[in-house]
Protein backbone atom coordinates (compact mmCIF):
# COMPACT_ATOMS: atom_id res chain seq x y z
CA MET A 1 15.71 -39.86 -29.03
CA ALA A 2 18.01 -41.50 -26.46
CA LEU A 3 19.40 -39.36 -23.65
CA ILE A 4 22.79 -40.54 -22.43
CA VAL A 5 24.84 -39.20 -19.52
CA GLN A 6 28.54 -39.93 -19.91
CA LYS A 7 31.16 -39.47 -17.21
CA TYR A 8 34.90 -39.24 -17.89
CA GLY A 9 37.42 -39.56 -15.06
CA GLY A 10 40.72 -37.78 -14.55
CA THR A 11 42.84 -40.15 -16.63
CA SER A 12 40.34 -39.92 -19.50
CA VAL A 13 40.80 -36.12 -19.64
CA GLY A 14 44.41 -36.06 -18.43
CA SER A 15 45.85 -34.22 -21.44
CA VAL A 16 44.79 -32.04 -24.36
CA GLU A 17 45.02 -35.07 -26.65
CA ARG A 18 42.76 -37.14 -24.40
CA ILE A 19 40.25 -34.31 -24.10
CA GLN A 20 40.15 -34.11 -27.88
CA SER A 21 39.64 -37.89 -28.03
CA VAL A 22 36.69 -37.61 -25.62
CA ALA A 23 35.25 -34.82 -27.78
CA ARG A 24 35.34 -37.07 -30.85
CA LYS A 25 33.65 -39.89 -28.93
CA VAL A 26 30.90 -37.58 -27.67
CA LYS A 27 30.40 -36.05 -31.12
CA THR A 28 29.78 -39.52 -32.58
CA VAL A 29 26.85 -40.04 -30.19
CA HIS A 30 25.52 -36.54 -30.82
CA ASP A 31 25.75 -36.88 -34.60
CA SER A 32 23.82 -40.17 -34.47
CA GLY A 33 20.85 -38.31 -33.03
CA GLY A 34 21.40 -38.86 -29.31
CA GLN A 35 21.22 -36.25 -26.59
CA VAL A 36 24.38 -36.19 -24.49
CA VAL A 37 25.26 -34.78 -21.08
CA VAL A 38 28.94 -35.14 -20.22
CA VAL A 39 30.17 -35.04 -16.62
CA VAL A 40 33.92 -34.68 -16.18
CA SER A 41 36.49 -34.86 -13.39
CA ALA A 42 39.55 -32.68 -13.00
CA MET A 43 42.54 -33.65 -15.14
CA SER A 44 44.52 -36.47 -13.51
CA GLY A 45 46.76 -35.21 -10.72
CA GLU A 46 45.11 -31.79 -10.56
CA THR A 47 43.09 -32.36 -7.40
CA ASN A 48 46.18 -33.64 -5.57
CA ARG A 49 48.12 -30.61 -6.80
CA LEU A 50 45.47 -28.26 -5.44
CA ILE A 51 45.36 -30.08 -2.10
CA GLY A 52 49.14 -29.75 -1.91
CA LEU A 53 48.90 -26.01 -2.48
CA ALA A 54 46.29 -25.69 0.25
CA HIS A 55 48.39 -27.61 2.78
CA ALA A 56 51.46 -25.53 1.90
CA ILE A 57 49.57 -22.48 3.15
CA GLN A 58 47.35 -23.92 5.86
CA PRO A 59 48.20 -27.23 7.62
CA ARG A 60 44.48 -27.91 8.18
CA PRO A 61 42.73 -26.02 5.36
CA THR A 62 39.42 -24.36 6.13
CA PRO A 63 36.82 -26.76 4.62
CA ARG A 64 34.83 -24.02 2.89
CA GLU A 65 37.87 -22.50 1.22
CA LEU A 66 39.24 -25.92 0.29
CA ASP A 67 36.02 -26.59 -1.62
CA VAL A 68 36.35 -23.26 -3.43
CA LEU A 69 39.86 -24.26 -4.45
CA LEU A 70 39.17 -27.89 -5.42
CA SER A 71 36.16 -27.03 -7.56
CA THR A 72 38.41 -25.15 -9.97
CA GLY A 73 39.91 -28.40 -11.24
CA GLU A 74 36.68 -29.50 -12.90
CA GLN A 75 36.02 -25.95 -14.14
CA VAL A 76 39.18 -26.15 -16.24
CA THR A 77 38.11 -29.47 -17.76
CA ILE A 78 34.57 -28.45 -18.70
CA ALA A 79 35.85 -25.35 -20.51
CA LEU A 80 38.53 -27.28 -22.42
CA LEU A 81 36.16 -30.11 -23.40
CA THR A 82 33.51 -27.64 -24.57
CA MET A 83 36.14 -25.87 -26.69
CA ALA A 84 37.24 -29.22 -28.12
CA LEU A 85 33.64 -30.12 -29.00
CA GLU A 86 33.06 -26.77 -30.68
CA GLU A 87 36.28 -27.23 -32.63
CA THR A 88 34.83 -30.45 -34.10
CA GLY A 89 31.70 -28.58 -35.12
CA CYS A 90 29.60 -29.99 -32.28
CA PRO A 91 27.60 -27.30 -30.41
CA ALA A 92 28.22 -27.49 -26.67
CA ARG A 93 27.88 -25.51 -23.46
CA SER A 94 29.64 -25.94 -20.12
CA TYR A 95 28.21 -25.55 -16.62
CA THR A 96 29.69 -25.64 -13.13
CA GLY A 97 27.77 -27.51 -10.43
CA GLY A 98 26.43 -24.21 -9.15
CA GLN A 99 25.19 -23.12 -12.58
CA VAL A 100 23.24 -26.36 -13.00
CA HIS A 101 22.08 -25.79 -9.44
CA ILE A 102 23.21 -29.11 -8.03
CA LEU A 103 21.92 -28.43 -4.52
CA THR A 104 23.80 -30.19 -1.70
CA ASP A 105 23.89 -30.12 2.07
CA SER A 106 26.55 -28.00 3.77
CA ALA A 107 29.02 -30.78 4.68
CA HIS A 108 32.11 -29.32 3.02
CA ASN A 109 34.51 -31.81 1.39
CA LYS A 110 31.91 -34.61 1.63
CA ALA A 111 28.59 -33.03 0.68
CA ARG A 112 25.55 -35.03 -0.42
CA ILE A 113 23.28 -34.09 -3.29
CA ARG A 114 19.74 -33.06 -2.34
CA ASP A 115 18.30 -31.84 -5.62
CA ILE A 116 19.16 -30.94 -9.21
CA ASP A 117 17.37 -28.37 -11.36
CA GLY A 118 17.55 -29.83 -14.85
CA ALA A 119 15.72 -26.99 -16.64
CA ARG A 120 18.80 -25.27 -18.14
CA VAL A 121 20.29 -28.58 -19.21
CA ARG A 122 17.04 -29.70 -20.88
CA ALA A 123 16.76 -26.41 -22.73
CA ASP A 124 20.27 -26.83 -24.15
CA LEU A 125 19.66 -30.46 -25.08
CA ASP A 126 16.43 -29.51 -26.88
CA ALA A 127 18.42 -26.86 -28.74
CA GLY A 128 20.76 -29.57 -30.03
CA ARG A 129 23.73 -28.86 -27.77
CA VAL A 130 25.94 -31.22 -25.81
CA VAL A 131 25.94 -30.16 -22.16
CA VAL A 132 29.24 -30.46 -20.24
CA VAL A 133 28.85 -30.44 -16.44
CA ALA A 134 31.54 -30.21 -13.77
CA GLY A 135 31.48 -33.30 -11.59
CA PHE A 136 32.32 -33.53 -7.90
CA GLN A 137 30.71 -30.21 -6.94
CA GLY A 138 27.55 -28.34 -6.11
CA VAL A 139 26.25 -25.49 -3.96
CA ASP A 140 24.44 -25.47 -0.63
CA ALA A 141 21.32 -23.49 0.24
CA GLU A 142 23.48 -20.46 1.09
CA GLY A 143 25.22 -20.52 -2.29
CA ASN A 144 28.52 -21.84 -0.90
CA ILE A 145 30.52 -24.09 -3.22
CA THR A 146 30.67 -27.67 -1.94
CA THR A 147 32.46 -30.81 -3.11
CA LEU A 148 31.23 -34.41 -2.87
CA GLY A 149 34.43 -36.16 -1.79
CA ARG A 150 36.77 -38.46 -3.70
CA GLY A 151 35.11 -40.06 -6.71
CA GLY A 152 32.22 -37.61 -6.47
CA SER A 153 32.02 -37.17 -10.23
CA ASP A 154 30.49 -40.65 -10.48
CA THR A 155 27.75 -39.52 -8.11
CA THR A 156 27.21 -36.32 -10.09
CA ALA A 157 26.76 -38.32 -13.29
CA VAL A 158 24.27 -40.75 -11.76
CA ALA A 159 22.36 -37.91 -10.09
CA MET A 160 22.17 -36.02 -13.41
CA ALA A 161 20.94 -39.19 -15.13
CA ALA A 162 18.26 -39.65 -12.46
CA ALA A 163 17.15 -36.00 -12.62
CA LEU A 164 16.93 -36.07 -16.43
CA GLN A 165 15.49 -39.62 -16.56
CA ALA A 166 18.30 -40.61 -18.91
CA ASP A 167 18.19 -43.90 -20.78
CA GLU A 168 21.65 -44.84 -19.51
CA CYS A 169 24.52 -43.48 -17.45
CA GLN A 170 27.89 -44.46 -18.88
CA ILE A 171 30.96 -44.26 -16.63
CA TYR A 172 34.12 -44.10 -18.76
CA THR A 173 37.29 -45.01 -16.91
CA ASP A 174 40.67 -46.63 -17.46
CA VAL A 175 39.23 -50.17 -17.32
CA ASP A 176 36.81 -51.71 -19.80
CA GLY A 177 34.30 -52.97 -17.26
CA VAL A 178 33.84 -54.79 -13.99
CA TYR A 179 35.94 -57.95 -13.65
CA THR A 180 35.54 -61.10 -11.57
CA THR A 181 38.55 -59.78 -9.64
CA ASP A 182 41.48 -57.41 -10.16
CA PRO A 183 43.29 -58.57 -13.34
CA ARG A 184 46.56 -57.35 -11.82
CA ILE A 185 46.20 -60.09 -9.18
CA GLU A 186 44.60 -62.76 -11.38
CA PRO A 187 45.43 -62.32 -15.09
CA ARG A 188 42.65 -64.75 -16.02
CA ALA A 189 39.98 -62.53 -14.49
CA ARG A 190 36.93 -62.21 -16.74
CA ARG A 191 34.98 -59.08 -17.63
CA LEU A 192 31.35 -59.38 -16.57
CA ASP A 193 28.68 -58.52 -19.13
CA ARG A 194 26.35 -57.48 -16.33
CA ILE A 195 26.19 -57.37 -12.55
CA THR A 196 23.39 -56.41 -10.15
CA PHE A 197 23.31 -53.18 -8.15
CA GLU A 198 23.51 -55.28 -4.97
CA GLU A 199 26.62 -57.09 -6.12
CA MET A 200 28.30 -53.91 -7.38
CA LEU A 201 27.52 -52.19 -4.08
CA GLU A 202 29.17 -55.03 -2.19
CA MET A 203 32.16 -55.08 -4.56
CA ALA A 204 32.61 -51.31 -4.16
CA SER A 205 32.30 -51.42 -0.37
CA LEU A 206 34.69 -54.37 -0.13
CA GLY A 207 37.55 -52.76 -2.00
CA SER A 208 36.75 -52.66 -5.72
CA LYS A 209 37.75 -49.18 -6.94
CA VAL A 210 35.81 -49.21 -10.23
CA LEU A 211 32.89 -47.13 -8.94
CA GLN A 212 32.18 -44.94 -5.94
CA ILE A 213 29.79 -46.56 -3.45
CA ARG A 214 27.45 -43.56 -3.32
CA ALA A 215 27.10 -43.58 -7.10
CA VAL A 216 25.98 -47.22 -7.07
CA GLU A 217 23.55 -46.53 -4.21
CA PHE A 218 22.10 -43.58 -6.11
CA ALA A 219 21.75 -45.59 -9.33
CA GLY A 220 20.00 -48.43 -7.52
CA LYS A 221 17.64 -46.09 -5.65
CA TYR A 222 16.52 -44.28 -8.80
CA ASN A 223 16.80 -47.29 -11.14
CA VAL A 224 19.38 -45.67 -13.41
CA PRO A 225 20.97 -48.24 -15.77
CA LEU A 226 24.70 -47.88 -15.23
CA ARG A 227 27.41 -49.02 -17.63
CA VAL A 228 31.18 -49.09 -17.01
CA LEU A 229 33.25 -48.57 -20.17
CA SER A 230 36.82 -47.88 -21.20
CA SER A 231 37.86 -44.45 -22.44
CA PHE A 232 40.70 -45.98 -24.41
CA GLU A 233 39.24 -48.98 -26.22
CA GLU A 234 35.90 -49.92 -27.75
CA GLY A 235 33.71 -52.54 -26.11
CA PRO A 236 30.33 -53.20 -24.47
CA GLY A 237 31.63 -52.73 -20.91
CA THR A 238 29.62 -53.99 -17.94
CA LEU A 239 25.96 -53.14 -17.36
CA ILE A 240 24.88 -52.69 -13.75
CA THR A 241 21.19 -53.36 -13.38
CA PHE A 242 18.54 -55.08 -11.26
CA GLU A 243 18.61 -58.83 -10.76
CA GLU A 244 17.13 -60.95 -13.50
CA ASP A 245 16.03 -64.59 -13.37
CA ALA A 246 18.70 -65.58 -15.88
CA MET A 247 21.37 -64.34 -13.50
CA GLU A 248 20.39 -66.79 -10.73
CA GLN A 249 22.55 -69.43 -12.37
CA ALA A 250 25.71 -67.48 -11.50
CA ARG A 251 26.60 -68.50 -7.95
CA ILE A 252 29.53 -66.09 -7.58
CA SER A 253 30.02 -62.91 -9.61
CA GLY A 254 33.34 -61.75 -8.26
CA ILE A 255 36.06 -61.63 -5.64
CA ALA A 256 36.80 -58.31 -3.93
CA PHE A 257 39.63 -57.57 -1.55
CA ASN A 258 40.79 -54.74 0.66
CA ARG A 259 44.38 -54.18 1.76
CA ASP A 260 43.49 -51.22 4.00
CA GLU A 261 42.55 -53.35 7.01
CA ALA A 262 43.86 -53.64 10.56
CA LYS A 263 42.70 -55.85 13.43
CA LEU A 264 42.47 -55.02 17.13
CA THR A 265 41.75 -57.40 20.01
CA ILE A 266 41.00 -56.67 23.65
CA ARG A 267 41.29 -59.78 25.81
CA GLY A 268 39.91 -60.68 29.20
CA VAL A 269 37.14 -58.11 29.58
CA PRO A 270 34.12 -58.81 31.82
CA ASP A 271 31.34 -60.73 30.04
CA GLN A 272 28.43 -58.52 30.95
CA PRO A 273 25.75 -56.37 29.26
CA GLY A 274 27.07 -53.16 27.76
CA VAL A 275 30.69 -54.24 27.41
CA ALA A 276 30.54 -54.19 23.59
CA HIS A 277 29.36 -50.57 23.68
CA LYS A 278 32.11 -49.65 26.15
CA ILE A 279 34.67 -51.04 23.71
CA VAL A 280 33.29 -49.84 20.37
CA GLY A 281 31.66 -46.60 21.60
CA PRO A 282 34.86 -44.59 22.15
CA VAL A 283 36.21 -45.77 18.78
CA ALA A 284 33.01 -44.66 17.02
CA ASP A 285 33.07 -41.35 18.91
CA ALA A 286 36.50 -40.73 17.33
CA ASN A 287 34.81 -41.06 13.91
CA ILE A 288 36.57 -44.38 13.25
CA GLU A 289 34.46 -46.89 11.36
CA VAL A 290 34.42 -50.43 12.75
CA ASP A 291 33.95 -53.20 10.20
CA MET A 292 34.03 -56.88 11.20
CA ILE A 293 33.45 -57.88 14.84
CA VAL A 294 34.04 -61.22 16.59
CA GLN A 295 33.37 -61.90 20.27
CA ASN A 296 34.47 -65.09 22.06
CA ILE A 297 33.39 -66.14 25.54
CA ALA A 298 36.06 -67.77 27.74
CA ALA A 299 35.51 -70.35 30.49
CA ASP A 300 36.42 -67.81 33.19
CA THR A 301 33.39 -65.59 32.34
CA THR A 302 35.55 -63.07 30.50
CA THR A 303 35.37 -62.31 26.80
CA ASP A 304 37.80 -61.56 23.98
CA PHE A 305 36.57 -58.90 21.56
CA THR A 306 38.12 -58.46 18.10
CA PHE A 307 37.25 -55.91 15.42
CA THR A 308 38.73 -54.42 12.26
CA VAL A 309 39.22 -50.80 11.21
CA ASN A 310 40.73 -49.03 8.24
CA ARG A 311 44.52 -49.29 8.37
CA SER A 312 44.91 -45.49 8.39
CA ASP A 313 42.84 -45.39 11.62
CA TYR A 314 44.82 -48.20 13.28
CA PRO A 315 47.25 -46.12 15.44
CA HIS A 316 44.45 -43.92 16.79
CA ALA A 317 42.11 -46.88 17.42
CA LEU A 318 44.89 -48.79 19.22
CA GLU A 319 45.53 -45.81 21.48
CA ILE A 320 41.81 -45.56 22.32
CA LEU A 321 41.51 -49.30 22.95
CA ARG A 322 44.44 -49.27 25.39
CA ARG A 323 42.71 -46.57 27.42
CA THR A 324 39.50 -48.60 27.38
CA ALA A 325 41.41 -51.71 28.50
CA ASP A 326 42.70 -49.84 31.57
CA GLU A 327 39.17 -48.71 32.44
CA LEU A 328 37.71 -52.22 32.05
CA GLY A 329 40.58 -54.06 33.69
CA ALA A 330 41.24 -56.10 30.55
CA ARG A 331 44.08 -58.59 30.36
CA GLU A 332 45.77 -57.21 27.22
CA VAL A 333 45.34 -55.42 23.89
CA LEU A 334 46.69 -56.87 20.66
CA GLY A 335 46.94 -55.23 17.24
CA ASP A 336 47.79 -56.38 13.73
CA ASP A 337 47.99 -54.10 10.68
CA GLY A 338 49.27 -56.87 8.41
CA ILE A 339 45.89 -58.32 7.41
CA VAL A 340 43.62 -58.16 4.37
CA LYS A 341 39.97 -58.92 3.71
CA ILE A 342 38.97 -61.20 0.82
CA SER A 343 35.29 -61.47 -0.14
CA LEU A 344 33.15 -63.63 -2.40
CA VAL A 345 30.17 -61.73 -3.85
CA GLY A 346 27.17 -63.16 -5.69
CA VAL A 347 23.37 -62.98 -5.64
CA GLY A 348 23.40 -66.71 -6.42
CA MET A 349 24.39 -67.39 -2.80
CA ARG A 350 20.73 -66.91 -1.88
CA SER A 351 19.71 -70.10 -3.67
CA HIS A 352 22.87 -72.21 -3.39
CA SER A 353 24.23 -73.87 -0.28
CA GLY A 354 27.81 -74.94 0.35
CA ILE A 355 29.48 -71.74 -0.87
CA ALA A 356 31.16 -71.04 2.49
CA SER A 357 32.37 -74.62 2.85
CA ARG A 358 33.87 -74.53 -0.63
CA MET A 359 35.57 -71.21 0.10
CA PHE A 360 37.11 -72.45 3.34
CA ALA A 361 38.29 -75.68 1.69
CA ALA A 362 40.01 -73.76 -1.14
CA LEU A 363 41.88 -71.56 1.34
CA ALA A 364 42.79 -74.50 3.56
CA ALA A 365 44.23 -76.37 0.58
CA GLU A 366 46.72 -73.50 0.17
CA GLY A 367 47.60 -73.45 3.87
CA ILE A 368 45.85 -70.09 4.43
CA ASN A 369 44.54 -69.58 7.96
CA ILE A 370 41.25 -67.69 8.34
CA GLN A 371 41.32 -65.22 11.24
CA MET A 372 37.81 -63.75 11.00
CA ILE A 373 34.62 -64.48 9.02
CA SER A 374 31.69 -62.24 8.15
CA THR A 375 28.65 -63.13 6.02
CA SER A 376 25.61 -61.48 4.49
CA GLU A 377 22.95 -62.68 2.10
CA ILE A 378 25.16 -62.18 -0.96
CA LYS A 379 28.72 -62.11 0.39
CA ILE A 380 31.24 -64.01 2.53
CA SER A 381 34.31 -62.13 3.79
CA VAL A 382 37.38 -63.55 5.50
CA VAL A 383 40.38 -61.90 7.12
CA VAL A 384 43.76 -63.49 6.39
CA ALA A 385 47.40 -62.50 6.72
CA GLU A 386 48.41 -59.92 4.11
CA LYS A 387 51.09 -62.19 2.64
CA TYR A 388 48.35 -64.58 1.46
CA LEU A 389 46.31 -62.00 -0.48
CA GLU A 390 47.31 -62.89 -4.03
CA LEU A 391 47.42 -66.64 -3.36
CA GLY A 392 44.00 -66.51 -1.71
CA VAL A 393 42.36 -64.54 -4.51
CA ARG A 394 43.79 -66.83 -7.19
CA ALA A 395 42.77 -69.97 -5.28
CA LEU A 396 39.18 -68.78 -4.90
CA HIS A 397 39.04 -67.62 -8.51
CA GLU A 398 40.01 -71.14 -9.56
CA ALA A 399 37.74 -72.89 -7.05
CA PHE A 400 34.66 -71.07 -8.31
CA SER A 401 35.56 -71.33 -12.01
CA LEU A 402 35.58 -67.59 -12.62
CA ALA A 403 38.42 -67.57 -15.18
CA ALA A 404 37.88 -66.26 -18.69
């Protein structure tokens, strides 16, 4: 008997009608003899509404109380979906994260799962019930309600699948799978039948919003087969799994991009040991994540140091860097929040040369200047001016024959 964990996001359960549609879909699997655990998010817009209420009362809401508030969104959905299932004649039972005993650390608003007690869920499944679990939440060792951060329901679903040793974890969303790139940018983008955990992890970290990074990491660590499907149309979706020999023929699987980038440069700093730490250290101490880094040595024994940060952190990082420049006696500080990062991703890069050269040639042919370059074993990322995002993505999509 197959055990399937299904996860439905906010848009999939955004109305009574959609909840009833999900119930019918789940009932079909249950009636065919499968065991089903359903993990759901809050109804679309509900989490933002609750955050708005919190900020109306407290400009900087107390993290513990914010978690208590936000967890109610999923509690509404699990109750409604369980009612909808029962109305179809399908036996079901709902559980909050605390009731399933999804044990997390105590980092409110961004907790990490430590353990799941699957005993109650298994007992219900063996009794022939569908189990509906609230995503995005758990409890710490003291019994405090915690939440897992944005997109945390994906992580809940994968963690439940790992704990129960499910045959597959199915993530239902508003897209019908993982595409070679965003179809809104390149209409000829092709849905991938399968993609490796490594590639999906890169795609997620580089800007693809299909899955939460932590969920992909969790699935890869515990070898949970993961499938992305559409809540609104039938189809096989995209299977995320470990690399197979047959997949080595695919040089590039997809093109990811991230608009939320900004670039900072400090020029004319002394070229001596420890200078990189003096520049990046204060930025990291402010809890600002640094992404790409380029350092150039000048003829006058000074160095220019450039790095990127998330665009939302740009004003704060620029302020910190200007203070650092004064301390180091740097020549100047430059900033640019009009950049984007475009990345090629593919496990096939390991066994094929010339990918970078082909990428650079395709961008050059469109008159697109590359400002920064970063590479790993299965990805190449470039920073370009924001105005070239769509042109760059389409040019690379064409150059690597990724169209449907």
